[in-house]
Every structure is written in structure tokens, then in C-alpha cells.
Amino acid sequence: GQPGGPRKLSCAASETISSMKGMGWYRQAPGKQRELVASITTGGS
């Protein structure tokens, strides 16, 4: 991706995501711990 530009990630689940308590995106950079980037609960939080 270009600095200042966009990128869209997708996560396709094998089961209905409505059954999940929540889903989230994490990231891990080299030499760093995995961190939570964004999450969404079943209720939409």
C-alpha cells in the first residue's frame, strides 16, 4: 500500500458470524507483540 492510500482487508468465516461473540483484527509488526487494531461485537459495539 502507498503511504496515504487505502487498503481493504476481508476475513471470510466458514460459519455464520452472527454466532460469534465478536470478531476483530489484530496486527503484528516485526519484533513487536500482536496488538488489537479493531473489533466488533455481536451487538455492534
All heavy atoms as atom14 arrays in JSON, in Angstrom:
{
  "sequence": "GQPGGPRKLSCAASETISSMKGMGWYRQAPGKQRELVASITTGGS",
  "atom14_mask": [
    [1, 1, 1, 1, 0, 0, 0, 0, 0, 0, 0, 0, 0, 0],
    [1, 1, 1, 1, 1, 1, 1, 1, 1, 0, 0, 0, 0, 0],
    [1, 1, 1, 1, 1, 1, 1, 0, 0, 0, 0, 0, 0, 0],
    [1, 1, 1, 1, 0, 0, 0, 0, 0, 0, 0, 0, 0, 0],
    [1, 1, 1, 1, 0, 0, 0, 0, 0, 0, 0, 0, 0, 0],
    [1, 1, 1, 1, 1, 1, 1, 0, 0, 0, 0, 0, 0, 0],
    [1, 1, 1, 1, 1, 1, 1, 1, 1, 1, 1, 0, 0, 0],
    [1, 1, 1, 1, 1, 1, 1, 1, 1, 0, 0, 0, 0, 0],
    [1, 1, 1, 1, 1, 1, 1, 1, 0, 0, 0, 0, 0, 0],
    [1, 1, 1, 1, 1, 1, 0, 0, 0, 0, 0, 0, 0, 0],
    [1, 1, 1, 1, 1, 1, 0, 0, 0, 0, 0, 0, 0, 0],
    [1, 1, 1, 1, 1, 0, 0, 0, 0, 0, 0, 0, 0, 0],
    [1, 1, 1, 1, 1, 0, 0, 0, 0, 0, 0, 0, 0, 0],
    [1, 1, 1, 1, 1, 1, 0, 0, 0, 0, 0, 0, 0, 0],
    [1, 1, 1, 1, 1, 1, 1, 1, 1, 0, 0, 0, 0, 0],
    [1, 1, 1, 1, 1, 1, 1, 0, 0, 0, 0, 0, 0, 0],
    [1, 1, 1, 1, 1, 1, 1, 1, 0, 0, 0, 0, 0, 0],
    [1, 1, 1, 1, 1, 1, 0, 0, 0, 0, 0, 0, 0, 0],
    [1, 1, 1, 1, 1, 1, 0, 0, 0, 0, 0, 0, 0, 0],
    [1, 1, 1, 1, 1, 1, 1, 1, 0, 0, 0, 0, 0, 0],
    [1, 1, 1, 1, 1, 1, 1, 1, 1, 0, 0, 0, 0, 0],
    [1, 1, 1, 1, 0, 0, 0, 0, 0, 0, 0, 0, 0, 0],
    [1, 1, 1, 1, 1, 1, 1, 1, 0, 0, 0, 0, 0, 0],
    [1, 1, 1, 1, 0, 0, 0, 0, 0, 0, 0, 0, 0, 0],
    [1, 1, 1, 1, 1, 1, 1, 1, 1, 1, 1, 1, 1, 1],
    [1, 1, 1, 1, 1, 1, 1, 1, 1, 1, 1, 1, 0, 0],
    [1, 1, 1, 1, 1, 1, 1, 1, 1, 1, 1, 0, 0, 0],
    [1, 1, 1, 1, 1, 1, 1, 1, 1, 0, 0, 0, 0, 0],
    [1, 1, 1, 1, 1, 0, 0, 0, 0, 0, 0, 0, 0, 0],
    [1, 1, 1, 1, 1, 1, 1, 0, 0, 0, 0, 0, 0, 0],
    [1, 1, 1, 1, 0, 0, 0, 0, 0, 0, 0, 0, 0, 0],
    [1, 1, 1, 1, 1, 1, 1, 1, 1, 0, 0, 0, 0, 0],
    [1, 1, 1, 1, 1, 1, 1, 1, 1, 0, 0, 0, 0, 0],
    [1, 1, 1, 1, 1, 1, 1, 1, 1, 1, 1, 0, 0, 0],
    [1, 1, 1, 1, 1, 1, 1, 1, 1, 0, 0, 0, 0, 0],
    [1, 1, 1, 1, 1, 1, 1, 1, 0, 0, 0, 0, 0, 0],
    [1, 1, 1, 1, 1, 1, 1, 0, 0, 0, 0, 0, 0, 0],
    [1, 1, 1, 1, 1, 0, 0, 0, 0, 0, 0, 0, 0, 0],
    [1, 1, 1, 1, 1, 1, 0, 0, 0, 0, 0, 0, 0, 0],
    [1, 1, 1, 1, 1, 1, 1, 1, 0, 0, 0, 0, 0, 0],
    [1, 1, 1, 1, 1, 1, 1, 0, 0, 0, 0, 0, 0, 0],
    [1, 1, 1, 1, 1, 1, 1, 0, 0, 0, 0, 0, 0, 0],
    [1, 1, 1, 1, 0, 0, 0, 0, 0, 0, 0, 0, 0, 0],
    [1, 1, 1, 1, 0, 0, 0, 0, 0, 0, 0, 0, 0, 0],
    [1, 1, 1, 1, 1, 1, 0, 0, 0, 0, 0, 0, 0, 0]
  ],
  "atom14_positions": [
    [[0.83, -1.19, 0.0], [0.0, 0.0, 0.0], [0.86, 1.24, 0.0], [1.96, 1.23, 0.55], [0.0, 0.0, 0.0], [0.0, 0.0, 0.0], [0.0, 0.0, 0.0], [0.0, 0.0, 0.0], [0.0, 0.0, 0.0], [0.0, 0.0, 0.0], [0.0, 0.0, 0.0], [0.0, 0.0, 0.0], [0.0, 0.0, 0.0], [0.0, 0.0, 0.0]],
    [[0.36, 2.28, -0.62], [1.08, 3.55, -0.68], [0.8, 4.37, 0.57], [-0.33, 4.36, 1.08], [0.63, 4.34, -1.9], [0.96, 3.67, -3.22], [2.45, 3.68, -3.5], [3.13, 4.67, -3.24], [2.94, 2.58, -4.05], [0.0, 0.0, 0.0], [0.0, 0.0, 0.0], [0.0, 0.0, 0.0], [0.0, 0.0, 0.0], [0.0, 0.0, 0.0]],
    [[1.79, 5.08, 1.07], [1.5, 6.0, 2.19], [0.4, 6.98, 1.8], [0.45, 7.56, 0.72], [2.84, 6.71, 2.4], [3.87, 5.74, 1.9], [3.22, 5.07, 0.72], [0.0, 0.0, 0.0], [0.0, 0.0, 0.0], [0.0, 0.0, 0.0], [0.0, 0.0, 0.0], [0.0, 0.0, 0.0], [0.0, 0.0, 0.0], [0.0, 0.0, 0.0]],
    [[-0.56, 7.11, 2.69], [-1.69, 7.98, 2.42], [-2.8, 7.32, 1.64], [-3.89, 7.9, 1.48], [0.0, 0.0, 0.0], [0.0, 0.0, 0.0], [0.0, 0.0, 0.0], [0.0, 0.0, 0.0], [0.0, 0.0, 0.0], [0.0, 0.0, 0.0], [0.0, 0.0, 0.0], [0.0, 0.0, 0.0], [0.0, 0.0, 0.0], [0.0, 0.0, 0.0]],
    [[-2.58, 6.13, 1.18], [-3.56, 5.44, 0.36], [-4.44, 4.5, 1.15], [-4.29, 4.36, 2.36], [0.0, 0.0, 0.0], [0.0, 0.0, 0.0], [0.0, 0.0, 0.0], [0.0, 0.0, 0.0], [0.0, 0.0, 0.0], [0.0, 0.0, 0.0], [0.0, 0.0, 0.0], [0.0, 0.0, 0.0], [0.0, 0.0, 0.0], [0.0, 0.0, 0.0]],
    [[-5.38, 3.84, 0.46], [-6.3, 2.92, 1.1], [-5.92, 1.46, 0.85], [-5.17, 1.13, -0.08], [-7.62, 3.24, 0.4], [-7.19, 3.54, -1.01], [-5.83, 4.18, -0.89], [0.0, 0.0, 0.0], [0.0, 0.0, 0.0], [0.0, 0.0, 0.0], [0.0, 0.0, 0.0], [0.0, 0.0, 0.0], [0.0, 0.0, 0.0], [0.0, 0.0, 0.0]],
    [[-6.47, 0.63, 1.68], [-6.35, -0.81, 1.51], [-7.52, -1.42, 2.27], [-7.85, -0.96, 3.35], [-5.04, -1.33, 2.1], [-4.66, -2.72, 1.64], [-3.74, -2.63, 0.45], [-3.62, -3.92, -0.21], [-3.17, -4.06, -1.44], [-2.79, -3.01, -2.14], [-3.09, -5.25, -1.99], [0.0, 0.0, 0.0], [0.0, 0.0, 0.0], [0.0, 0.0, 0.0]],
    [[-8.14, -2.46, 1.7], [-9.28, -3.09, 2.37], [-8.99, -4.56, 2.57], [-8.71, -5.29, 1.63], [-10.56, -2.91, 1.56], [-11.81, -3.4, 2.29], [-13.07, -3.06, 1.52], [-14.32, -3.43, 2.29], [-15.56, -3.04, 1.58], [0.0, 0.0, 0.0], [0.0, 0.0, 0.0], [0.0, 0.0, 0.0], [0.0, 0.0, 0.0], [0.0, 0.0, 0.0]],
    [[-9.09, -4.98, 3.82], [-8.9, -6.38, 4.16], [-10.26, -7.05, 4.36], [-11.21, -6.41, 4.83], [-8.09, -6.52, 5.44], [-6.71, -5.84, 5.45], [-6.01, -6.11, 6.78], [-5.87, -6.29, 4.28], [0.0, 0.0, 0.0], [0.0, 0.0, 0.0], [0.0, 0.0, 0.0], [0.0, 0.0, 0.0], [0.0, 0.0, 0.0], [0.0, 0.0, 0.0]],
    [[-10.31, -8.33, 4.02], [-11.52, -9.11, 4.22], [-11.19, -10.36, 5.03], [-10.09, -10.91, 4.91], [-12.12, -9.53, 2.88], [-12.45, -8.42, 2.08], [0.0, 0.0, 0.0], [0.0, 0.0, 0.0], [0.0, 0.0, 0.0], [0.0, 0.0, 0.0], [0.0, 0.0, 0.0], [0.0, 0.0, 0.0], [0.0, 0.0, 0.0], [0.0, 0.0, 0.0]],
    [[-12.13, -10.77, 5.82], [-12.0, -12.0, 6.6], [-13.27, -12.81, 6.41], [-14.33, -12.44, 6.94], [-11.77, -11.69, 8.07], [-11.82, -13.14, 9.16], [0.0, 0.0, 0.0], [0.0, 0.0, 0.0], [0.0, 0.0, 0.0], [0.0, 0.0, 0.0], [0.0, 0.0, 0.0], [0.0, 0.0, 0.0], [0.0, 0.0, 0.0], [0.0, 0.0, 0.0]],
    [[-13.17, -13.88, 5.66], [-14.32, -14.73, 5.39], [-14.34, -15.89, 6.38], [-13.35, -16.6, 6.53], [-14.25, -15.25, 3.97], [0.0, 0.0, 0.0], [0.0, 0.0, 0.0], [0.0, 0.0, 0.0], [0.0, 0.0, 0.0], [0.0, 0.0, 0.0], [0.0, 0.0, 0.0], [0.0, 0.0, 0.0], [0.0, 0.0, 0.0], [0.0, 0.0, 0.0]],
    [[-15.46, -16.06, 7.04], [-15.61, -17.11, 8.03], [-16.38, -18.29, 7.45], [-17.27, -18.12, 6.61], [-16.35, -16.58, 9.26], [0.0, 0.0, 0.0], [0.0, 0.0, 0.0], [0.0, 0.0, 0.0], [0.0, 0.0, 0.0], [0.0, 0.0, 0.0], [0.0, 0.0, 0.0], [0.0, 0.0, 0.0], [0.0, 0.0, 0.0], [0.0, 0.0, 0.0]],
    [[-16.06, -19.49, 7.93], [-16.72, -20.71, 7.44], [-18.07, -20.92, 8.09], [-18.83, -21.79, 7.64], [-15.82, -21.92, 7.69], [-15.57, -22.08, 9.07], [0.0, 0.0, 0.0], [0.0, 0.0, 0.0], [0.0, 0.0, 0.0], [0.0, 0.0, 0.0], [0.0, 0.0, 0.0], [0.0, 0.0, 0.0], [0.0, 0.0, 0.0], [0.0, 0.0, 0.0]],
    [[-18.34, -20.18, 9.16], [-19.62, -20.29, 9.83], [-20.22, -18.9, 10.01], [-19.53, -17.9, 9.88], [-19.45, -20.97, 11.19], [-18.93, -22.4, 11.08], [-18.88, -23.1, 12.42], [-19.55, -22.64, 13.37], [-18.16, -24.11, 12.53], [0.0, 0.0, 0.0], [0.0, 0.0, 0.0], [0.0, 0.0, 0.0], [0.0, 0.0, 0.0], [0.0, 0.0, 0.0]],
    [[-21.5, -18.89, 10.34], [-22.18, -17.61, 10.45], [-21.53, -16.74, 11.52], [-21.33, -17.17, 12.66], [-23.67, -17.81, 10.75], [-24.28, -16.53, 10.97], [-23.88, -18.67, 11.98], [0.0, 0.0, 0.0], [0.0, 0.0, 0.0], [0.0, 0.0, 0.0], [0.0, 0.0, 0.0], [0.0, 0.0, 0.0], [0.0, 0.0, 0.0], [0.0, 0.0, 0.0]],
    [[-21.21, -15.52, 11.15], [-20.55, -14.62, 12.11], [-21.54, -14.1, 13.15], [-21.13, -13.57, 14.18], [-19.84, -13.46, 11.4], [-20.83, -12.6, 10.61], [-18.73, -13.98, 10.52], [-20.19, -11.36, 10.01], [0.0, 0.0, 0.0], [0.0, 0.0, 0.0], [0.0, 0.0, 0.0], [0.0, 0.0, 0.0], [0.0, 0.0, 0.0], [0.0, 0.0, 0.0]],
    [[-22.83, -14.29, 12.9], [-23.82, -13.88, 13.88], [-23.74, -14.74, 15.14], [-24.24, -14.35, 16.19], [-25.23, -13.98, 13.29], [-25.36, -13.13, 12.17], [0.0, 0.0, 0.0], [0.0, 0.0, 0.0], [0.0, 0.0, 0.0], [0.0, 0.0, 0.0], [0.0, 0.0, 0.0], [0.0, 0.0, 0.0], [0.0, 0.0, 0.0], [0.0, 0.0, 0.0]],
    [[-23.11, -15.91, 15.02], [-22.97, -16.79, 16.17], [-21.75, -16.45, 17.02], [-21.54, -17.02, 18.08], [-22.87, -18.24, 15.71], [-21.64, -18.47, 15.04], [0.0, 0.0, 0.0], [0.0, 0.0, 0.0], [0.0, 0.0, 0.0], [0.0, 0.0, 0.0], [0.0, 0.0, 0.0], [0.0, 0.0, 0.0], [0.0, 0.0, 0.0], [0.0, 0.0, 0.0]],
    [[-20.95, -15.52, 16.52], [-19.72, -15.14, 17.24], [-20.03, -14.1, 18.3], [-20.86, -13.21, 18.1], [-18.7, -14.57, 16.25], [-18.42, -15.42, 15.05], [-17.71, -17.0, 15.48], [-17.65, -17.75, 13.85], [0.0, 0.0, 0.0], [0.0, 0.0, 0.0], [0.0, 0.0, 0.0], [0.0, 0.0, 0.0], [0.0, 0.0, 0.0], [0.0, 0.0, 0.0]],
    [[-19.32, -14.2, 19.43], [-19.43, -13.14, 20.43], [-18.87, -11.84, 19.87], [-19.32, -10.74, 20.18], [-18.67, -13.52, 21.7], [-19.29, -14.66, 22.48], [-18.5, -14.93, 23.74], [-19.13, -16.04, 24.56], [-18.36, -16.31, 25.79], [0.0, 0.0, 0.0], [0.0, 0.0, 0.0], [0.0, 0.0, 0.0], [0.0, 0.0, 0.0], [0.0, 0.0, 0.0]],
    [[-17.83, -11.98, 19.06], [-17.2, -10.82, 18.46], [-16.14, -11.25, 17.48], [-15.72, -12.42, 17.46], [0.0, 0.0, 0.0], [0.0, 0.0, 0.0], [0.0, 0.0, 0.0], [0.0, 0.0, 0.0], [0.0, 0.0, 0.0], [0.0, 0.0, 0.0], [0.0, 0.0, 0.0], [0.0, 0.0, 0.0], [0.0, 0.0, 0.0], [0.0, 0.0, 0.0]],
    [[-15.73, -10.3, 16.66], [-14.65, -10.55, 15.73], [-13.73, -9.34, 15.73], [-14.15, -8.22, 16.04], [-15.19, -10.81, 14.33], [-16.05, -12.06, 14.26], [-16.46, -12.57, 12.6], [-14.87, -13.15, 11.99], [0.0, 0.0, 0.0], [0.0, 0.0, 0.0], [0.0, 0.0, 0.0], [0.0, 0.0, 0.0], [0.0, 0.0, 0.0], [0.0, 0.0, 0.0]],
    [[-12.49, -9.59, 15.41], [-11.55, -8.48, 15.45], [-10.4, -8.65, 14.5], [-10.16, -9.73, 13.95], [0.0, 0.0, 0.0], [0.0, 0.0, 0.0], [0.0, 0.0, 0.0], [0.0, 0.0, 0.0], [0.0, 0.0, 0.0], [0.0, 0.0, 0.0], [0.0, 0.0, 0.0], [0.0, 0.0, 0.0], [0.0, 0.0, 0.0], [0.0, 0.0, 0.0]],
    [[-9.72, -7.55, 14.3], [-8.49, -7.53, 13.52], [-7.33, -7.18, 14.44], [-7.39, -6.21, 15.2], [-8.59, -6.48, 12.4], [-9.47, -6.86, 11.26], [-10.78, -6.52, 11.07], [-9.1, -7.67, 10.15], [-11.24, -7.06, 9.91], [-10.23, -7.79, 9.32], [-7.92, -8.33, 9.77], [-10.23, -8.51, 8.13], [-7.91, -9.04, 8.58], [-9.05, -9.13, 7.78]],
    [[-6.29, -7.99, 14.34], [-5.06, -7.77, 15.07], [-3.94, -7.57, 14.06], [-4.08, -7.92, 12.89], [-4.72, -8.97, 15.96], [-5.59, -9.11, 17.18], [-6.93, -9.44, 17.08], [-5.05, -8.92, 18.46], [-7.72, -9.57, 18.23], [-5.82, -9.06, 19.6], [-7.15, -9.39, 19.48], [-7.92, -9.51, 20.6], [0.0, 0.0, 0.0], [0.0, 0.0, 0.0]],
    [[-2.83, -7.05, 14.52], [-1.67, -6.96, 13.65], [-0.4, -7.19, 14.47], [-0.36, -6.93, 15.67], [-1.59, -5.61, 12.95], [-1.35, -4.41, 13.85], [-1.45, -3.12, 13.04], [-1.24, -1.94, 13.87], [-1.41, -0.69, 13.44], [-1.79, -0.46, 12.17], [-1.21, 0.33, 14.25], [0.0, 0.0, 0.0], [0.0, 0.0, 0.0], [0.0, 0.0, 0.0]],
    [[0.61, -7.67, 13.77], [1.9, -7.91, 14.41], [3.0, -7.45, 13.47], [3.16, -7.99, 12.37], [2.08, -9.39, 14.77], [3.32, -9.66, 15.58], [3.32, -11.04, 16.21], [2.58, -11.93, 15.79], [4.12, -11.21, 17.25], [0.0, 0.0, 0.0], [0.0, 0.0, 0.0], [0.0, 0.0, 0.0], [0.0, 0.0, 0.0], [0.0, 0.0, 0.0]],
    [[3.71, -6.44, 13.92], [4.85, -5.94, 13.16], [6.11, -6.69, 13.6], [6.15, -7.23, 14.72], [5.02, -4.44, 13.41], [0.0, 0.0, 0.0], [0.0, 0.0, 0.0], [0.0, 0.0, 0.0], [0.0, 0.0, 0.0], [0.0, 0.0, 0.0], [0.0, 0.0, 0.0], [0.0, 0.0, 0.0], [0.0, 0.0, 0.0], [0.0, 0.0, 0.0]],
    [[7.12, -6.72, 12.77], [8.36, -7.43, 13.13], [8.94, -6.93, 14.45], [9.08, -5.72, 14.67], [9.3, -7.11, 11.97], [8.4, -6.83, 10.82], [7.2, -6.16, 11.41], [0.0, 0.0, 0.0], [0.0, 0.0, 0.0], [0.0, 0.0, 0.0], [0.0, 0.0, 0.0], [0.0, 0.0, 0.0], [0.0, 0.0, 0.0], [0.0, 0.0, 0.0]],
    [[9.24, -7.87, 15.34], [9.82, -7.52, 16.62], [8.86, -6.96, 17.64], [9.27, -6.54, 18.72], [0.0, 0.0, 0.0], [0.0, 0.0, 0.0], [0.0, 0.0, 0.0], [0.0, 0.0, 0.0], [0.0, 0.0, 0.0], [0.0, 0.0, 0.0], [0.0, 0.0, 0.0], [0.0, 0.0, 0.0], [0.0, 0.0, 0.0], [0.0, 0.0, 0.0]],
    [[7.57, -6.92, 17.29], [6.57, -6.37, 18.22], [5.53, -7.4, 18.56], [5.36, -8.4, 17.87], [5.91, -5.13, 17.6], [6.85, -3.95, 17.4], [6.08, -2.73, 16.96], [7.01, -1.52, 16.82], [6.26, -0.31, 16.4], [0.0, 0.0, 0.0], [0.0, 0.0, 0.0], [0.0, 0.0, 0.0], [0.0, 0.0, 0.0], [0.0, 0.0, 0.0]],
    [[4.82, -7.13, 19.64], [3.75, -8.02, 20.05], [2.51, -7.8, 19.18], [2.31, -6.72, 18.62], [3.39, -7.77, 21.52], [4.44, -8.25, 22.51], [3.96, -8.2, 23.95], [3.15, -7.33, 24.31], [4.43, -9.11, 24.77], [0.0, 0.0, 0.0], [0.0, 0.0, 0.0], [0.0, 0.0, 0.0], [0.0, 0.0, 0.0], [0.0, 0.0, 0.0]],
    [[1.72, -8.83, 19.09], [0.46, -8.71, 18.36], [-0.45, -7.75, 19.12], [-0.57, -7.84, 20.34], [-0.2, -10.08, 18.22], [-1.37, -10.11, 17.27], [-1.88, -11.54, 17.06], [-0.87, -12.39, 16.42], [-1.14, -13.62, 15.97], [-2.36, -14.12, 16.08], [-0.18, -14.33, 15.42], [0.0, 0.0, 0.0], [0.0, 0.0, 0.0], [0.0, 0.0, 0.0]],
    [[-1.09, -6.84, 18.39], [-1.97, -5.88, 19.04], [-3.34, -5.87, 18.39], [-3.48, -6.11, 17.18], [-1.38, -4.46, 18.99], [-1.29, -3.85, 17.6], [-0.99, -2.36, 17.61], [-1.03, -1.71, 18.67], [-0.71, -1.84, 16.51], [0.0, 0.0, 0.0], [0.0, 0.0, 0.0], [0.0, 0.0, 0.0], [0.0, 0.0, 0.0], [0.0, 0.0, 0.0]],
    [[-4.33, -5.57, 19.2], [-5.7, -5.43, 18.69], [-5.8, -4.1, 17.95], [-5.46, -3.05, 18.49], [-6.69, -5.46, 19.85], [-8.16, -5.18, 19.5], [-8.7, -6.21, 18.52], [-8.99, -5.15, 20.77], [0.0, 0.0, 0.0], [0.0, 0.0, 0.0], [0.0, 0.0, 0.0], [0.0, 0.0, 0.0], [0.0, 0.0, 0.0], [0.0, 0.0, 0.0]],
    [[-6.3, -4.17, 16.74], [-6.48, -2.97, 15.92], [-7.93, -2.49, 15.98], [-8.2, -1.33, 16.2], [-6.09, -3.26, 14.45], [-6.37, -2.04, 13.58], [-4.63, -3.67, 14.37], [0.0, 0.0, 0.0], [0.0, 0.0, 0.0], [0.0, 0.0, 0.0], [0.0, 0.0, 0.0], [0.0, 0.0, 0.0], [0.0, 0.0, 0.0], [0.0, 0.0, 0.0]],
    [[-8.85, -3.42, 15.77], [-10.26, -3.05, 15.77], [-11.08, -4.3, 16.05], [-10.67, -5.42, 15.7], [-10.69, -2.46, 14.42], [0.0, 0.0, 0.0], [0.0, 0.0, 0.0], [0.0, 0.0, 0.0], [0.0, 0.0, 0.0], [0.0, 0.0, 0.0], [0.0, 0.0, 0.0], [0.0, 0.0, 0.0], [0.0, 0.0, 0.0], [0.0, 0.0, 0.0]],
    [[-12.23, -4.11, 16.68], [-13.09, -5.24, 16.96], [-14.54, -4.81, 16.89], [-14.87, -3.61, 17.02], [-12.78, -5.84, 18.33], [-13.08, -4.91, 19.36], [0.0, 0.0, 0.0], [0.0, 0.0, 0.0], [0.0, 0.0, 0.0], [0.0, 0.0, 0.0], [0.0, 0.0, 0.0], [0.0, 0.0, 0.0], [0.0, 0.0, 0.0], [0.0, 0.0, 0.0]],
    [[-15.39, -5.8, 16.69], [-16.83, -5.56, 16.64], [-17.53, -6.73, 17.32], [-17.21, -7.89, 17.07], [-17.32, -5.36, 15.18], [-18.81, -5.02, 15.15], [-17.0, -6.57, 14.33], [-19.28, -4.53, 13.79], [0.0, 0.0, 0.0], [0.0, 0.0, 0.0], [0.0, 0.0, 0.0], [0.0, 0.0, 0.0], [0.0, 0.0, 0.0], [0.0, 0.0, 0.0]],
    [[-18.46, -6.41, 18.22], [-19.18, -7.45, 18.92], [-20.47, -7.79, 18.18], [-20.88, -7.08, 17.26], [-19.54, -7.01, 20.35], [-20.51, -5.94, 20.27], [-18.31, -6.53, 21.09], [0.0, 0.0, 0.0], [0.0, 0.0, 0.0], [0.0, 0.0, 0.0], [0.0, 0.0, 0.0], [0.0, 0.0, 0.0], [0.0, 0.0, 0.0], [0.0, 0.0, 0.0]],
    [[-21.1, -8.86, 18.62], [-22.37, -9.26, 18.03], [-23.39, -8.14, 18.12], [-24.18, -7.93, 17.19], [-22.91, -10.51, 18.73], [-21.95, -11.56, 18.62], [-24.23, -10.96, 18.11], [0.0, 0.0, 0.0], [0.0, 0.0, 0.0], [0.0, 0.0, 0.0], [0.0, 0.0, 0.0], [0.0, 0.0, 0.0], [0.0, 0.0, 0.0], [0.0, 0.0, 0.0]],
    [[-23.33, -7.4, 19.22], [-24.27, -6.31, 19.41], [-23.92, -5.05, 18.65], [-24.67, -4.07, 18.67], [0.0, 0.0, 0.0], [0.0, 0.0, 0.0], [0.0, 0.0, 0.0], [0.0, 0.0, 0.0], [0.0, 0.0, 0.0], [0.0, 0.0, 0.0], [0.0, 0.0, 0.0], [0.0, 0.0, 0.0], [0.0, 0.0, 0.0], [0.0, 0.0, 0.0]],
    [[-22.76, -5.07, 18.0], [-22.38, -3.93, 17.18], [-21.44, -2.94, 17.84], [-21.13, -1.9, 17.26], [0.0, 0.0, 0.0], [0.0, 0.0, 0.0], [0.0, 0.0, 0.0], [0.0, 0.0, 0.0], [0.0, 0.0, 0.0], [0.0, 0.0, 0.0], [0.0, 0.0, 0.0], [0.0, 0.0, 0.0], [0.0, 0.0, 0.0], [0.0, 0.0, 0.0]],
    [[-20.99, -3.24, 19.04], [-20.04, -2.34, 19.7], [-18.69, -2.44, 18.99], [-18.22, -3.53, 18.69], [-19.89, -2.71, 21.17], [-21.1, -2.53, 21.85], [0.0, 0.0, 0.0], [0.0, 0.0, 0.0], [0.0, 0.0, 0.0], [0.0, 0.0, 0.0], [0.0, 0.0, 0.0], [0.0, 0.0, 0.0], [0.0, 0.0, 0.0], [0.0, 0.0, 0.0]]
  ]
}
